Amino acid sequence: MGAGTLVRVLVARASGDRVRVEVTDPDTGVLPVLVTAAADEEQGRGLALVDAVALRWGVEYGSTDKTV
C-alpha cells in the first residue's frame, strides 16, 4: 500500500465502554505483521499501536480487500 491508496475507517460503539475500529484497504496480498520500528523509521507503527490499545485484533479477508 502506498501514498494515495484509499482506505475505509469504521468506528462503532460496541458493548459497554468498548469501541470497534476497522481499517479496510484493497491490498489482499500483504498480511499485516506486528513489527518493532526503529526510532528513526517513518512507518511500521500502526499495528503496534493497535496491539497496545486493543483487547484483541485480527484480519478478515474479502475478495477484493482486507480489514484489520
C-alpha atoms as a PDB file:
ATOM      1  CA  MET A   1       0.000   0.000   0.000  1.00  0.00           C
ATOM      2  CA  GLY A   2       1.388   3.373  -0.869  1.00  0.00           C
ATOM      3  CA  ALA A   3       0.604   7.045  -0.951  1.00  0.00           C
ATOM      4  CA  GLY A   4      -2.817   7.739  -2.414  1.00  0.00           C
ATOM      5  CA  THR A   5      -4.259   4.316  -1.571  1.00  0.00           C
ATOM      6  CA  LEU A   6      -7.816   4.711  -0.360  1.00  0.00           C
ATOM      7  CA  VAL A   7      -8.728   3.084   2.943  1.00  0.00           C
ATOM      8  CA  ARG A   8     -12.031   2.895   4.798  1.00  0.00           C
ATOM      9  CA  VAL A   9     -12.114   3.529   8.543  1.00  0.00           C
ATOM     10  CA  LEU A  10     -15.126   2.435  10.578  1.00  0.00           C
ATOM     11  CA  VAL A  11     -15.525   3.412  14.236  1.00  0.00           C
ATOM     12  CA  ALA A  12     -18.520   1.956  16.048  1.00  0.00           C
ATOM     13  CA  ARG A  13     -19.606   1.838  19.650  1.00  0.00           C
ATOM     14  CA  ALA A  14     -19.594  -1.731  20.923  1.00  0.00           C
ATOM     15  CA  SER A  15     -20.995  -3.024  24.207  1.00  0.00           C
ATOM     16  CA  GLY A  16     -20.336  -1.060  27.378  1.00  0.00           C
ATOM     17  CA  ASP A  17     -17.390   1.289  27.110  1.00  0.00           C
ATOM     18  CA  ARG A  18     -15.814  -0.511  24.141  1.00  0.00           C
ATOM     19  CA  VAL A  19     -15.232   0.820  20.646  1.00  0.00           C
ATOM     20  CA  ARG A  20     -14.625  -1.216  17.491  1.00  0.00           C
ATOM     21  CA  VAL A  21     -12.273   0.281  14.916  1.00  0.00           C
ATOM     22  CA  GLU A  22     -11.829  -1.275  11.467  1.00  0.00           C
ATOM     23  CA  VAL A  23      -9.459  -0.213   8.711  1.00  0.00           C
ATOM     24  CA  THR A  24     -10.069  -1.707   5.264  1.00  0.00           C
ATOM     25  CA  ASP A  25      -7.649  -1.469   2.343  1.00  0.00           C
ATOM     26  CA  PRO A  26      -7.548  -3.041  -1.121  1.00  0.00           C
ATOM     27  CA  ASP A  27      -4.222  -4.903  -0.694  1.00  0.00           C
ATOM     28  CA  THR A  28      -5.177  -8.550  -0.144  1.00  0.00           C
ATOM     29  CA  GLY A  29      -1.680  -9.793  -0.956  1.00  0.00           C
ATOM     30  CA  VAL A  30       0.030  -8.413   2.147  1.00  0.00           C
ATOM     31  CA  LEU A  31      -0.565  -9.915   5.575  1.00  0.00           C
ATOM     32  CA  PRO A  32      -0.320  -7.404   8.440  1.00  0.00           C
ATOM     33  CA  VAL A  33       2.710  -8.187  10.608  1.00  0.00           C
ATOM     34  CA  LEU A  34       3.444  -6.762  14.049  1.00  0.00           C
ATOM     35  CA  VAL A  35       6.992  -5.339  13.969  1.00  0.00           C
ATOM     36  CA  THR A  36       9.108  -3.090  16.160  1.00  0.00           C
ATOM     37  CA  ALA A  37      10.015   0.081  14.284  1.00  0.00           C
ATOM     38  CA  ALA A  38      13.321   1.820  14.916  1.00  0.00           C
ATOM     39  CA  ALA A  39      13.146   5.339  16.345  1.00  0.00           C
ATOM     40  CA  ASP A  40      14.111   6.920  13.001  1.00  0.00           C
ATOM     41  CA  GLU A  41      11.733   4.894  10.804  1.00  0.00           C
ATOM     42  CA  GLU A  42       8.707   6.664   9.316  1.00  0.00           C
ATOM     43  CA  GLN A  43       6.495   3.580   9.071  1.00  0.00           C
ATOM     44  CA  GLY A  44       5.789   0.324  10.859  1.00  0.00           C
ATOM     45  CA  ARG A  45       3.987   1.648  13.922  1.00  0.00           C
ATOM     46  CA  GLY A  46       0.305   1.269  13.016  1.00  0.00           C
ATOM     47  CA  LEU A  47      -0.183  -2.319  14.100  1.00  0.00           C
ATOM     48  CA  ALA A  48       1.973  -1.755  17.205  1.00  0.00           C
ATOM     49  CA  LEU A  49      -0.455   0.992  18.235  1.00  0.00           C
ATOM     50  CA  VAL A  50      -3.420  -1.287  17.616  1.00  0.00           C
ATOM     51  CA  ASP A  51      -1.800  -4.077  19.627  1.00  0.00           C
ATOM     52  CA  ALA A  52      -1.075  -1.700  22.520  1.00  0.00           C
ATOM     53  CA  VAL A  53      -4.651  -0.473  22.959  1.00  0.00           C
ATOM     54  CA  ALA A  54      -6.810  -3.358  21.700  1.00  0.00           C
ATOM     55  CA  LEU A  55      -8.214  -6.214  23.728  1.00  0.00           C
ATOM     56  CA  ARG A  56      -7.786  -8.282  20.579  1.00  0.00           C
ATOM     57  CA  TRP A  57      -7.322  -7.742  16.861  1.00  0.00           C
ATOM     58  CA  GLY A  58      -7.334  -9.783  13.704  1.00  0.00           C
ATOM     59  CA  VAL A  59      -7.683  -9.718   9.943  1.00  0.00           C
ATOM     60  CA  GLU A  60     -10.708 -10.512   7.785  1.00  0.00           C
ATOM     61  CA  TYR A  61     -10.136 -11.094   4.079  1.00  0.00           C
ATOM     62  CA  GLY A  62     -12.680 -10.242   1.413  1.00  0.00           C
ATOM     63  CA  SER A  63     -12.464 -10.999  -2.281  1.00  0.00           C
ATOM     64  CA  THR A  64     -11.105  -7.522  -3.059  1.00  0.00           C
ATOM     65  CA  ASP A  65      -9.888  -6.168   0.293  1.00  0.00           C
ATOM     66  CA  LYS A  66      -8.799  -6.908   3.840  1.00  0.00           C
ATOM     67  CA  THR A  67      -9.949  -5.435   7.149  1.00  0.00           C
ATOM     68  CA  VAL A  68      -7.841  -5.166  10.301  1.00  0.00           C
END
